[in-house]
């Protein structure tokens, strides 16, 4: 029944061909004869009550979101038993298609991440949770411009829950946050999906995939992802930590907003990677000094070591020479003490007997004060519901 729409004309739209068919809707390429441009028309049959209601809610939501990286709605209405919405046709395809050709470079992934995060943040700030962030819902105008599409399962952040009337969870398991198995969706669960999307952009694969949707979700709950640097050695440690933080199992320990994630990625991308030092075996302070000085001043290592030895010897002299000098003097002025042991009947009595000696001249003592220091291969256009 759906294929019969190809070639028909309604209003000022001439339907050309099928672009994609999803679980709830169908997307066609059409020509807008009024504006002489190609458009994408998403259609849902009215016989599917739940789908048509959700479709109308999507239209209402997207009409409230005016953002340069959110795919806009140009027109909407009904044709016979169909509900439809008209959107710009994005000829560049989807992010999924680009990833399937080859995973992205660090810089290219950063460009796309920043735009998706900006669009998602805009929606969050207006009380809208997307709930289906994945590469088939990111459309490419070109290499430098994307559109976030498909708000078909989006909901207001103050909605009661994230379940359908049959109790099924909403979303795509490969990109779903683990807490969605037990709790309603939040903006932070969107951040998790964005983290999965970043992981996939840089490695070419999703972190978790099971034989069934349930097994996939179970992996999100129980397993840790393979470190992305093992799949793509070009990923530095700092970037890897950003990805893993965005995908933390505990929502409280993730980035709390899309902007935070994008900003952290950008900062990590421009930070010189450093190998983490184990807290159990920290680098000795002297070696730290030597490394820093040798990099900045280019002083020969042998000279530095010699200087350190001289400083050490000088310190020893400052401590021990005065002690050696003072020892005879101290011995000469020390009071002589004789101990007399007398045997008595009850036991032994020890009686110290101190002979008087010349009292040394009193010298003032300085008072010392101490202190302690505590040391987520099709065209898209909102089709994949």
Protein backbone atom coordinates (compact mmCIF):
# COMPACT_ATOMS: atom_id res chain seq x y z
CA UNK A 1 0.00 0.00 0.00
CA UNK A 2 2.82 2.38 0.82
CA UNK A 3 4.51 2.05 -2.59
CA UNK A 4 1.38 3.31 -4.38
CA UNK A 5 2.25 6.81 -3.18
CA UNK A 6 5.19 6.99 -5.58
CA UNK A 7 4.28 9.18 -8.56
CA UNK A 8 1.19 10.73 -6.98
CA UNK A 9 0.65 14.44 -6.62
CA UNK A 10 -1.11 16.22 -3.80
CA UNK A 11 -1.18 19.87 -2.97
CA UNK A 12 1.85 21.24 -4.86
CA UNK A 13 4.04 18.18 -4.15
CA UNK A 14 5.01 15.59 -6.79
CA UNK A 15 6.14 12.37 -5.10
CA UNK A 16 9.14 10.86 -6.89
CA UNK A 17 10.45 7.82 -5.03
CA UNK A 18 10.74 6.07 -1.72
CA UNK A 19 13.68 7.12 0.40
CA UNK A 20 13.16 4.96 3.45
CA UNK A 21 10.57 3.00 5.38
CA UNK A 22 10.68 2.76 9.14
CA UNK A 23 8.57 1.07 11.78
CA UNK A 24 6.13 3.94 12.09
CA UNK A 25 6.55 6.09 8.99
CA UNK A 26 7.66 6.28 5.36
CA UNK A 27 9.82 8.96 3.78
CA UNK A 28 9.59 9.99 0.11
CA UNK A 29 11.62 12.25 -2.12
CA UNK A 30 9.29 14.78 -3.74
CA UNK A 31 9.37 18.00 -5.74
CA UNK A 32 7.83 21.13 -4.37
CA UNK A 33 6.43 22.66 -7.58
CA UNK A 34 5.63 25.89 -5.85
CA UNK A 35 9.20 26.56 -4.72
CA UNK A 36 10.94 24.43 -7.35
CA UNK A 37 12.98 22.46 -4.88
CA UNK A 38 13.37 18.87 -3.75
CA UNK A 39 11.88 18.03 -0.37
CA UNK A 40 11.50 14.99 1.85
CA UNK A 41 7.95 14.08 2.88
CA UNK A 42 7.43 11.91 5.94
CA UNK A 43 4.03 10.16 6.04
CA UNK A 44 2.10 8.08 8.60
CA UNK A 45 -1.19 6.29 7.94
CA UNK A 46 -4.07 7.31 10.15
CA UNK A 47 -5.09 3.68 10.82
CA UNK A 48 -2.19 3.39 13.25
CA UNK A 49 -3.59 5.41 16.13
CA UNK A 50 -0.50 5.39 18.34
CA UNK A 51 1.81 6.20 15.46
CA UNK A 52 -0.36 9.00 14.14
CA UNK A 53 -0.67 10.54 17.60
CA UNK A 54 3.08 10.42 18.09
CA UNK A 55 3.58 11.85 14.59
CA UNK A 56 1.37 14.82 15.35
CA UNK A 57 3.21 15.35 18.61
CA UNK A 58 6.51 15.34 16.70
CA UNK A 59 5.18 18.08 14.42
CA UNK A 60 4.20 20.17 17.43
CA UNK A 61 7.60 19.73 19.08
CA UNK A 62 9.73 20.51 16.03
CA UNK A 63 7.69 23.63 15.25
CA UNK A 64 8.82 25.01 18.60
CA UNK A 65 12.51 24.38 17.85
CA UNK A 66 14.14 26.91 15.56
CA UNK A 67 17.83 26.11 15.39
CA UNK A 68 20.39 26.12 12.59
CA UNK A 69 21.26 22.47 13.22
CA UNK A 70 17.74 21.07 13.78
CA UNK A 71 15.97 19.92 10.61
CA UNK A 72 12.96 22.24 10.26
CA UNK A 73 9.40 21.48 9.15
CA UNK A 74 8.40 23.36 6.01
CA UNK A 75 4.78 22.19 5.85
CA UNK A 76 2.42 19.63 7.34
CA UNK A 77 -1.16 18.43 6.89
CA UNK A 78 -3.26 15.45 5.76
CA UNK A 79 -3.76 13.69 2.43
CA UNK A 80 -6.69 11.23 2.38
CA UNK A 81 -5.87 8.86 5.29
CA UNK A 82 -2.29 10.08 5.64
CA UNK A 83 -0.63 12.57 7.90
CA UNK A 84 2.44 14.20 6.41
CA UNK A 85 5.21 16.64 7.18
CA UNK A 86 7.53 18.28 4.64
CA UNK A 87 11.20 18.85 5.37
CA UNK A 88 14.22 20.01 3.39
CA UNK A 89 15.88 17.21 1.43
CA UNK A 90 19.43 16.75 2.65
CA UNK A 91 21.36 15.15 -0.22
CA UNK A 92 24.50 14.40 1.80
CA UNK A 93 22.99 11.35 3.45
CA UNK A 94 23.39 10.32 7.06
CA UNK A 95 26.26 10.20 9.47
CA UNK A 96 25.77 6.43 9.55
CA UNK A 97 26.64 6.19 5.85
CA UNK A 98 29.76 8.24 6.40
CA UNK A 99 30.91 6.10 9.32
CA UNK A 100 30.36 2.94 7.27
CA UNK A 101 32.83 4.26 4.69
CA UNK A 102 35.42 5.00 7.36
CA UNK A 103 35.48 6.27 10.91
CA UNK A 104 36.14 9.96 11.34
CA UNK A 105 39.28 11.82 12.26
CA UNK A 106 39.49 13.51 15.64
CA UNK A 107 38.93 16.96 14.14
CA UNK A 108 36.01 15.90 11.90
CA UNK A 109 34.32 14.16 14.80
CA UNK A 110 34.77 17.31 16.87
CA UNK A 111 33.04 19.45 14.23
CA UNK A 112 30.01 17.13 14.13
CA UNK A 113 29.92 16.66 17.89
CA UNK A 114 29.85 20.39 18.50
CA UNK A 115 26.87 20.90 16.15
CA UNK A 116 24.87 17.93 17.44
CA UNK A 117 25.56 18.97 21.02
CA UNK A 118 24.51 22.55 20.28
CA UNK A 119 21.22 21.38 18.73
CA UNK A 120 20.58 18.95 21.57
CA UNK A 121 21.39 21.56 24.21
CA UNK A 122 18.92 23.94 22.54
CA UNK A 123 16.20 21.27 22.78
CA UNK A 124 17.05 20.47 26.40
CA UNK A 125 16.89 24.12 27.36
CA UNK A 126 13.31 24.12 26.04
CA UNK A 127 12.32 21.04 27.99
CA UNK A 128 12.63 18.49 25.15
CA UNK A 129 14.46 15.16 25.49
CA UNK A 130 15.29 13.60 22.09
CA UNK A 131 15.60 9.97 23.26
CA UNK A 132 16.94 8.66 19.92
CA UNK A 133 20.37 10.16 19.30
CA UNK A 134 22.08 7.96 16.67
CA UNK A 135 23.95 8.47 13.38
CA UNK A 136 20.93 7.71 11.15
CA UNK A 137 19.26 10.72 12.73
CA UNK A 138 22.17 13.03 11.93
CA UNK A 139 21.93 14.33 8.34
CA UNK A 140 24.92 15.76 6.47
CA UNK A 141 24.45 18.91 4.44
CA UNK A 142 28.17 18.65 3.73
CA UNK A 143 31.28 17.77 5.68
CA UNK A 144 30.96 20.86 7.84
CA UNK A 145 27.20 21.17 8.42
CA UNK A 146 24.76 18.70 9.95
CA UNK A 147 21.11 18.58 10.99
CA UNK A 148 19.69 16.72 13.95
CA UNK A 149 16.47 15.03 12.80
CA UNK A 150 13.70 12.69 13.93
CA UNK A 151 12.03 13.92 17.08
CA UNK A 152 9.43 11.14 16.64
CA UNK A 153 10.01 9.70 20.10
CA UNK A 154 10.99 12.94 21.80
CA UNK A 155 9.19 13.92 24.96
CA UNK A 156 8.88 16.81 27.30
CA UNK A 157 11.20 16.52 30.27
CA UNK A 158 8.27 16.77 32.69
CA UNK A 159 6.35 13.84 31.12
CA UNK A 160 5.35 11.00 33.43
CA UNK A 161 7.54 8.21 32.01
CA UNK A 162 9.42 6.91 28.98
CA UNK A 163 7.27 3.88 28.24
CA UNK A 164 4.66 3.27 25.54
CA UNK A 165 1.20 2.05 26.42
CA UNK A 166 2.38 -1.56 26.03
CA UNK A 167 5.27 -1.01 28.41
CA UNK A 168 8.06 -1.14 25.83
CA UNK A 169 11.01 1.17 26.26
CA UNK A 170 11.56 3.94 23.75
CA UNK A 171 14.81 4.30 21.87
CA UNK A 172 17.43 2.31 20.00
CA UNK A 173 19.15 -0.23 22.31
CA UNK A 174 22.63 0.31 20.83
CA UNK A 175 22.51 3.89 22.04
CA UNK A 176 20.38 3.64 25.17
CA UNK A 177 21.69 4.60 28.58
CA UNK A 178 21.67 1.75 31.12
CA UNK A 179 19.36 3.50 33.56
CA UNK A 180 16.57 3.51 30.95
CA UNK A 181 15.92 -0.12 31.89
CA UNK A 182 14.68 1.13 35.25
CA UNK A 183 13.97 4.85 35.03
CA UNK A 184 12.42 7.46 32.72
CA UNK A 185 14.62 9.23 30.17
CA UNK A 186 16.40 12.40 31.18
CA UNK A 187 18.64 14.92 29.49
CA UNK A 188 21.61 13.03 30.93
CA UNK A 189 20.50 9.83 29.16
CA UNK A 190 20.68 11.87 25.94
CA UNK A 191 24.26 12.73 26.90
CA UNK A 192 25.05 9.01 27.20
CA UNK A 193 23.68 8.44 23.66
CA UNK A 194 25.81 11.32 22.45
CA UNK A 195 28.82 9.67 24.04
CA UNK A 196 28.03 6.42 22.18
CA UNK A 197 27.75 8.44 18.98
CA UNK A 198 31.18 9.95 19.61
CA UNK A 199 32.62 6.49 20.35
CA UNK A 200 31.20 5.22 17.01
CA UNK A 201 32.46 8.21 15.03
CA UNK A 202 36.02 7.59 16.21
CA UNK A 203 36.11 3.77 16.13
CA UNK A 204 33.60 2.79 13.43
CA UNK A 205 31.59 0.62 15.81
CA UNK A 206 29.23 0.87 18.74
CA UNK A 207 30.54 -0.16 22.15
CA UNK A 208 27.81 -2.74 22.85
CA UNK A 209 25.87 -5.01 20.50
CA UNK A 210 24.03 -8.22 21.38
CA UNK A 211 22.10 -10.87 19.44
CA UNK A 212 18.83 -9.27 20.56
CA UNK A 213 17.83 -5.76 21.69
CA UNK A 214 17.49 -7.05 25.25
CA UNK A 215 21.00 -8.51 25.23
CA UNK A 216 22.35 -5.25 23.89
CA UNK A 217 20.73 -3.28 26.69
CA UNK A 218 22.02 -5.82 29.19
CA UNK A 219 25.55 -5.15 27.99
CA UNK A 220 25.05 -1.43 28.56
CA UNK A 221 24.07 -2.23 32.12
CA UNK A 222 26.70 -4.79 33.05
CA UNK A 223 29.77 -4.44 30.81
CA UNK A 224 32.46 -1.84 30.38
CA UNK A 225 33.20 -0.67 26.82
CA UNK A 226 36.41 -1.63 25.08
CA UNK A 227 38.70 1.39 25.46
CA UNK A 228 38.32 3.26 22.15
CA UNK A 229 42.09 3.73 21.82
CA UNK A 230 42.44 -0.05 21.41
CA UNK A 231 40.21 0.19 18.32
CA UNK A 232 41.77 3.40 17.03
CA UNK A 233 45.30 4.11 18.30
CA UNK A 234 45.02 7.70 17.04
CA UNK A 235 42.73 8.46 19.99
CA UNK A 236 44.81 10.12 22.73
CA UNK A 237 44.35 9.37 26.41
CA UNK A 238 42.68 12.71 27.14
CA UNK A 239 40.01 12.18 24.43
CA UNK A 240 39.43 8.61 25.57
CA UNK A 241 38.70 9.80 29.09
CA UNK A 242 36.09 12.26 27.76
CA UNK A 243 34.32 9.47 25.83
CA UNK A 244 34.31 7.12 28.80
CA UNK A 245 33.06 9.85 31.13
CA UNK A 246 30.12 10.58 28.77
CA UNK A 247 29.28 6.85 28.88
CA UNK A 248 29.60 6.37 32.63
CA UNK A 249 27.11 3.87 34.08
CA UNK A 250 26.20 6.28 36.86
CA UNK A 251 24.29 9.28 35.38
CA UNK A 252 25.60 11.50 38.17
CA UNK A 253 29.20 10.91 37.08
CA UNK A 254 28.67 11.79 33.40
CA UNK A 255 28.82 15.19 31.81
CA UNK A 256 25.52 16.72 32.79
CA UNK A 257 24.85 18.64 29.57
CA UNK A 258 25.71 18.24 25.85
CA UNK A 259 27.66 21.49 26.03
CA UNK A 260 29.86 20.14 28.82
CA UNK A 261 30.68 17.09 26.71
CA UNK A 262 31.50 19.14 23.61
CA UNK A 263 33.64 21.59 25.59
CA UNK A 264 35.55 18.80 27.32
CA UNK A 265 36.22 17.08 23.99
CA UNK A 266 37.51 20.30 22.48
CA UNK A 267 39.77 20.91 25.46
CA UNK A 268 41.08 17.33 25.38
CA UNK A 269 41.72 17.60 21.65
CA UNK A 270 44.00 20.56 22.21
CA UNK A 271 45.78 19.19 25.26
CA UNK A 272 49.17 17.51 24.85
CA UNK A 273 48.61 13.83 25.68
CA UNK A 274 50.51 12.62 28.72
CA UNK A 275 50.92 9.09 29.99
CA UNK A 276 49.17 8.80 33.36
CA UNK A 277 51.50 8.15 36.31
CA UNK A 278 50.50 5.45 38.78
CA UNK A 279 49.78 6.93 42.23
CA UNK A 280 51.50 3.89 43.82
CA UNK A 281 54.88 4.67 42.23
CA UNK A 282 55.04 8.42 41.73
CA UNK A 283 57.97 9.98 39.95
CA UNK A 284 60.65 11.10 42.42
CA UNK A 285 60.75 14.89 42.84
CA UNK A 286 64.39 15.12 41.76
CA UNK A 287 63.65 13.37 38.48
CA UNK A 288 60.75 15.71 37.89
CA UNK A 289 63.07 18.67 38.34
CA UNK A 290 65.66 17.16 36.01
CA UNK A 291 63.08 16.45 33.31
CA UNK A 292 61.60 19.92 33.47
CA UNK A 293 64.94 21.69 33.46
CA UNK A 294 66.38 19.57 30.68
CA UNK A 295 63.39 20.33 28.44
CA UNK A 296 63.35 24.03 29.05
CA UNK A 297 67.03 24.93 29.43
CA UNK A 298 68.62 22.05 27.53
CA UNK A 299 71.28 21.78 30.29
CA UNK A 300 73.43 18.62 30.01
CA UNK A 301 72.29 15.92 32.37
CA UNK A 302 75.80 15.31 33.72
CA UNK A 303 76.13 18.94 34.79
CA UNK A 304 72.79 18.80 36.59
CA UNK A 305 73.79 15.66 38.45
CA UNK A 306 77.11 17.22 39.43
CA UNK A 307 75.36 20.31 40.74
CA UNK A 308 72.98 18.17 42.76
CA UNK A 309 75.91 16.27 44.28
CA UNK A 310 77.64 19.52 45.22
CA UNK A 311 74.47 20.83 46.85
CA UNK A 312 74.14 17.58 48.78
CA UNK A 313 77.76 17.70 49.99
CA UNK A 314 77.41 21.32 51.00
CA UNK A 315 74.27 20.48 52.98
CA UNK A 316 76.08 17.67 54.78
CA UNK A 317 78.90 20.02 55.70
CA UNK A 318 76.48 22.58 57.09
CA UNK A 319 74.94 19.96 59.35
CA UNK A 320 77.88 17.89 60.57
CA UNK A 321 80.80 20.32 60.79
CA UNK A 322 79.20 22.40 63.57
CA UNK A 323 78.40 19.21 65.45
CA UNK A 324 82.01 18.04 65.27
CA UNK A 325 83.21 21.44 66.41
CA UNK A 326 80.84 21.57 69.35
CA UNK A 327 81.48 18.02 70.64
CA UNK A 328 84.68 18.70 72.68
CA UNK A 329 83.31 21.89 74.12
CA UNK A 330 80.12 20.12 75.18
CA UNK A 331 82.06 17.30 76.72
CA UNK A 332 84.21 19.69 78.71
CA UNK A 333 81.33 21.52 80.24
CA UNK A 334 79.08 18.52 80.85
CA UNK A 335 78.34 17.95 84.55
CA UNK A 336 79.96 14.93 86.06
CA UNK A 337 77.55 12.51 87.66
CA UNK A 338 78.58 9.70 89.98
CA UNK A 339 76.15 6.99 90.99
CA UNK A 340 76.56 5.36 94.34
CA UNK A 341 75.03 1.93 94.84
CA UNK A 342 74.38 1.00 98.40
CA UNK A 343 73.23 -2.44 99.51
CA UNK A 344 70.58 -2.37 102.17
CA UNK A 345 68.41 -5.02 103.70
CA UNK A 346 65.14 -4.22 101.84
CA UNK A 347 66.95 -4.11 98.50
CA UNK A 348 69.25 -1.99 96.48
CA UNK A 349 69.09 1.77 96.60
CA UNK A 350 70.47 3.83 93.73
CA UNK A 351 71.62 7.23 94.83
CA UNK A 352 72.93 9.71 92.23
CA UNK A 353 75.62 11.98 93.45
CA UNK A 354 76.39 15.01 91.33
CA UNK A 355 79.62 16.81 91.90
CA UNK A 356 79.39 20.57 91.47
CA UNK A 357 81.03 21.97 88.39
CA UNK A 358 81.32 25.41 86.98
CA UNK A 359 77.95 26.62 85.68
CA UNK A 360 78.12 27.62 81.98
CA UNK A 361 77.09 31.08 80.97
CA UNK A 362 73.37 31.18 80.17
CA UNK A 363 72.48 31.84 76.51
CA UNK A 364 69.06 32.96 75.24
CA UNK A 365 66.96 30.24 73.47
CA UNK A 366 64.77 31.20 70.46
CA UNK A 367 61.19 29.96 70.63
CA UNK A 368 60.26 27.82 67.56
CA UNK A 369 56.64 27.78 66.42
CA UNK A 370 55.57 24.81 64.27
CA UNK A 371 52.44 24.29 62.20
CA UNK A 372 51.00 21.12 60.67
CA UNK A 373 49.95 20.83 56.98
CA UNK A 374 47.51 18.26 55.58
CA UNK A 375 48.94 17.07 52.99
CA UNK A 376 24.98 6.57 18.90
CA UNK A 377 22.73 3.05 6.07
CA UNK A 378 19.91 5.12 5.19
CA UNK A 379 18.94 8.54 4.05
CA UNK A 380 17.38 9.72 7.26
CA UNK A 381 15.10 12.76 7.44
CA UNK A 382 13.46 11.58 10.61
CA UNK A 383 12.55 8.22 9.17
CA UNK A 384 14.00 5.69 11.46
CA UNK A 385 11.41 5.37 14.14
